[in-house]
Amino acid sequence: MNTETILASVRRYISLNDEETEYFTSLLLPTRVRQHDFIEQNGETTKYFIYVTSGCLMTYFTDKDATDHVIQFATTGWWTGDLASFTRQQPSIYATKALADSEVLLLPRKEMDNLLEKCPKFEKYFRTIFQNSLITHQNRLIQTLSATAEERYTAFGQKYPSLEQFVPLKYIASYLGITPEFLSKVRRKMMDR
């Protein structure tokens, strides 16, 4: 099991001794997810908090008209999952699937609760992760409400520099809140400069 990236992430915020490191890594379930396979389905209760060690996952909501709305891309070093479903143990409104062959570490809900009880310093780690996630989502909301499509696309390229290699443009357009046709126009306009 490759735990280098997750341990580096944890150590950015808290220090662990050997026993804590061993306990934490023993809770993680390494899983390979093939491109296009789902790791979570809407309507099911989220069982795991998901850490991406390689590849790319996409979390999205499908509306009543069967239109997918991309909420988040998660690449190497990112956590993902439906936090509301995970926390409240209620059916998820999101689905998460692999956009490329991926390797993830799954942290089951019960094991996370045990970890926080046995190793309270992880409260700080996850609080920091959740705070950073909230800040990111708030900034994205402000950007969606106030920035032009071109500005949003530029910011997307800065945040996810290698994502366009394997993510279909329709998903990028959805993430940006525009149609794929409009995204094509924005990209052409930027290339013409």
Protein backbone atom coordinates (compact mmCIF):
# COMPACT_ATOMS: atom_id res chain seq x y z
CA MET A 1 0.00 0.00 0.00
CA ASN A 2 1.41 3.37 -1.05
CA THR A 3 0.97 5.68 1.96
CA GLU A 4 3.71 8.21 1.15
CA THR A 5 1.42 10.98 -0.14
CA ILE A 6 -1.19 10.63 2.60
CA LEU A 7 1.46 10.61 5.34
CA ALA A 8 3.10 13.68 3.81
CA SER A 9 -0.31 15.37 3.84
CA VAL A 10 -0.91 14.45 7.47
CA ARG A 11 2.57 15.56 8.54
CA ARG A 12 1.99 19.02 7.06
CA TYR A 13 -0.47 19.62 9.92
CA ILE A 14 0.37 17.21 12.74
CA SER A 15 3.31 15.10 13.83
CA LEU A 16 2.94 11.36 14.31
CA ASN A 17 5.05 8.86 16.17
CA ASP A 18 5.65 5.38 14.74
CA GLU A 19 2.75 3.81 16.65
CA GLU A 20 0.28 6.47 15.48
CA THR A 21 1.53 6.17 11.91
CA GLU A 22 1.12 2.39 11.98
CA TYR A 23 -2.36 2.64 13.51
CA PHE A 24 -3.54 5.24 11.00
CA THR A 25 -2.26 3.36 7.97
CA SER A 26 -3.77 0.10 9.28
CA LEU A 27 -7.23 1.70 8.98
CA LEU A 28 -6.86 2.57 5.30
CA LEU A 29 -8.19 0.25 2.61
CA PRO A 30 -6.17 0.45 -0.62
CA THR A 31 -8.39 0.20 -3.69
CA ARG A 32 -7.84 0.38 -7.43
CA VAL A 33 -10.60 2.01 -9.45
CA ARG A 34 -10.68 1.58 -13.22
CA GLN A 35 -11.53 4.47 -15.51
CA HIS A 36 -15.32 5.08 -15.65
CA ASP A 37 -16.00 2.88 -12.60
CA PHE A 38 -18.00 4.32 -9.72
CA ILE A 39 -16.60 4.45 -6.22
CA GLU A 40 -19.84 5.94 -4.85
CA GLN A 41 -23.37 6.03 -6.29
CA ASN A 42 -26.06 8.57 -5.60
CA GLY A 43 -28.82 7.16 -3.43
CA GLU A 44 -26.38 5.10 -1.37
CA THR A 45 -24.95 6.14 1.99
CA THR A 46 -21.30 7.16 1.76
CA LYS A 47 -19.25 4.56 3.62
CA TYR A 48 -15.76 5.96 3.08
CA PHE A 49 -13.78 9.15 3.06
CA ILE A 50 -11.62 8.79 -0.05
CA TYR A 51 -7.99 9.82 -0.47
CA VAL A 52 -6.57 9.79 -4.01
CA THR A 53 -3.01 8.44 -4.26
CA SER A 54 -3.00 8.48 -8.08
CA GLY A 55 -5.42 9.19 -10.89
CA CYS A 56 -8.48 11.40 -10.91
CA LEU A 57 -11.98 11.13 -9.50
CA MET A 58 -15.01 13.29 -10.28
CA THR A 59 -17.89 13.93 -7.87
CA TYR A 60 -21.09 15.15 -9.48
CA PHE A 61 -24.83 15.65 -9.03
CA THR A 62 -27.37 14.51 -11.64
CA ASP A 63 -30.49 16.68 -11.81
CA LYS A 64 -34.06 15.66 -12.68
CA ASP A 65 -33.32 16.25 -16.39
CA ALA A 66 -30.38 13.80 -16.24
CA THR A 67 -27.84 16.62 -16.56
CA ASP A 68 -24.60 16.05 -14.65
CA HIS A 69 -23.24 18.94 -12.59
CA VAL A 70 -19.59 18.48 -11.61
CA ILE A 71 -18.94 19.45 -8.00
CA GLN A 72 -15.30 18.46 -7.62
CA PHE A 73 -12.33 16.82 -9.27
CA ALA A 74 -9.97 15.01 -6.92
CA THR A 75 -6.43 14.28 -8.06
CA THR A 76 -3.37 12.92 -6.28
CA GLY A 77 -3.24 14.19 -2.71
CA TRP A 78 -6.91 15.18 -2.45
CA TRP A 79 -9.66 13.85 -0.21
CA THR A 80 -13.15 13.48 -1.64
CA GLY A 81 -16.55 12.03 -0.85
CA ASP A 82 -19.98 13.23 0.17
CA LEU A 83 -19.28 14.68 3.59
CA ALA A 84 -22.99 15.18 4.41
CA SER A 85 -23.81 11.55 3.64
CA PHE A 86 -20.67 10.32 5.40
CA THR A 87 -21.35 12.39 8.52
CA ARG A 88 -25.13 12.07 8.77
CA GLN A 89 -25.31 8.52 7.39
CA GLN A 90 -28.00 9.45 4.88
CA PRO A 91 -28.25 8.64 1.15
CA SER A 92 -25.89 10.67 -1.01
CA ILE A 93 -27.09 13.01 -3.74
CA TYR A 94 -23.71 12.65 -5.48
CA ALA A 95 -21.87 10.01 -7.46
CA THR A 96 -18.09 9.70 -7.63
CA LYS A 97 -16.38 7.96 -10.52
CA ALA A 98 -12.87 7.56 -11.86
CA LEU A 99 -11.94 9.62 -14.89
CA ALA A 100 -8.69 7.67 -15.17
CA ASP A 101 -7.40 4.47 -13.65
CA SER A 102 -6.89 5.49 -10.03
CA GLU A 103 -5.58 4.25 -6.73
CA VAL A 104 -7.31 5.41 -3.58
CA LEU A 105 -7.19 4.85 0.14
CA LEU A 106 -10.58 4.39 1.77
CA LEU A 107 -11.15 5.41 5.37
CA PRO A 108 -14.35 3.74 6.65
CA ARG A 109 -16.68 5.85 8.80
CA LYS A 110 -16.35 3.61 11.88
CA GLU A 111 -12.56 3.55 11.57
CA MET A 112 -12.44 7.33 11.26
CA ASP A 113 -14.49 7.65 14.46
CA ASN A 114 -12.11 5.23 16.20
CA LEU A 115 -9.10 7.17 14.90
CA LEU A 116 -10.44 10.48 16.23
CA GLU A 117 -11.14 8.90 19.62
CA LYS A 118 -7.82 7.06 19.93
CA CYS A 119 -5.67 9.78 18.33
CA PRO A 120 -7.28 13.16 19.04
CA LYS A 121 -4.55 15.02 17.11
CA PHE A 122 -6.28 13.81 13.94
CA GLU A 123 -9.14 16.17 14.87
CA LYS A 124 -6.77 19.02 13.98
CA TYR A 125 -5.76 17.37 10.71
CA PHE A 126 -9.32 16.76 9.52
CA ARG A 127 -10.53 20.15 10.80
CA THR A 128 -7.80 21.81 8.73
CA ILE A 129 -8.68 19.69 5.67
CA PHE A 130 -12.39 20.55 6.03
CA GLN A 131 -11.65 24.25 6.55
CA ASN A 132 -9.48 24.32 3.43
CA SER A 133 -12.22 22.54 1.50
CA LEU A 134 -14.84 25.04 2.65
CA ILE A 135 -12.60 27.94 1.66
CA THR A 136 -12.05 26.37 -1.77
CA HIS A 137 -15.77 25.83 -2.31
CA GLN A 138 -16.62 29.37 -1.16
CA ASN A 139 -14.02 30.82 -3.53
CA ARG A 140 -15.42 28.70 -6.35
CA LEU A 141 -18.94 29.95 -5.60
CA ILE A 142 -17.77 33.58 -5.67
CA GLN A 143 -15.92 32.91 -8.91
CA THR A 144 -19.00 31.26 -10.46
CA LEU A 145 -21.15 34.23 -9.49
CA SER A 146 -18.78 37.03 -10.44
CA ALA A 147 -16.07 35.93 -12.89
CA THR A 148 -16.36 35.64 -16.65
CA ALA A 149 -16.24 32.23 -18.28
CA GLU A 150 -12.74 33.03 -19.52
CA GLU A 151 -11.57 33.96 -16.03
CA ARG A 152 -13.09 30.75 -14.60
CA TYR A 153 -11.43 28.65 -17.30
CA THR A 154 -8.05 30.32 -16.64
CA ALA A 155 -8.41 29.72 -12.89
CA PHE A 156 -9.37 26.10 -13.60
CA GLY A 157 -6.20 25.62 -15.67
CA GLN A 158 -4.12 27.03 -12.82
CA LYS A 159 -5.77 24.83 -10.20
CA TYR A 160 -5.76 21.66 -12.32
CA PRO A 161 -2.87 22.12 -14.79
CA SER A 162 -2.85 18.56 -16.15
CA LEU A 163 -6.54 17.70 -15.99
CA GLU A 164 -7.42 18.56 -19.58
CA GLN A 165 -5.27 15.63 -20.73
CA PHE A 166 -7.85 13.07 -19.64
CA VAL A 167 -11.03 14.90 -18.62
CA PRO A 168 -13.67 15.30 -21.34
CA LEU A 169 -14.46 18.96 -22.05
CA LYS A 170 -18.12 18.40 -21.16
CA TYR A 171 -17.07 17.77 -17.54
CA ILE A 172 -14.82 20.81 -17.45
CA ALA A 173 -17.67 22.89 -18.88
CA SER A 174 -20.03 21.52 -16.23
CA TYR A 175 -17.55 22.35 -13.48
CA LEU A 176 -17.30 25.90 -14.85
CA GLY A 177 -21.09 26.25 -15.11
CA ILE A 178 -21.15 26.71 -18.90
CA THR A 179 -22.09 24.60 -21.90
CA PRO A 180 -19.45 22.60 -23.79
CA GLU A 181 -20.15 24.72 -26.88
CA PHE A 182 -19.48 27.94 -24.97
CA LEU A 183 -16.30 26.45 -23.51
CA SER A 184 -15.11 25.68 -27.06
CA LYS A 185 -15.72 29.34 -28.01
CA VAL A 186 -13.82 30.55 -24.94
CA ARG A 187 -10.88 28.25 -25.73
CA ARG A 188 -10.79 29.35 -29.40
CA LYS A 189 -10.88 33.00 -28.38
CA MET A 190 -7.98 32.47 -25.96
CA MET A 191 -5.93 30.59 -28.56
CA ASP A 192 -6.48 33.34 -31.13
CA ARG A 193 -4.75 35.87 -28.88
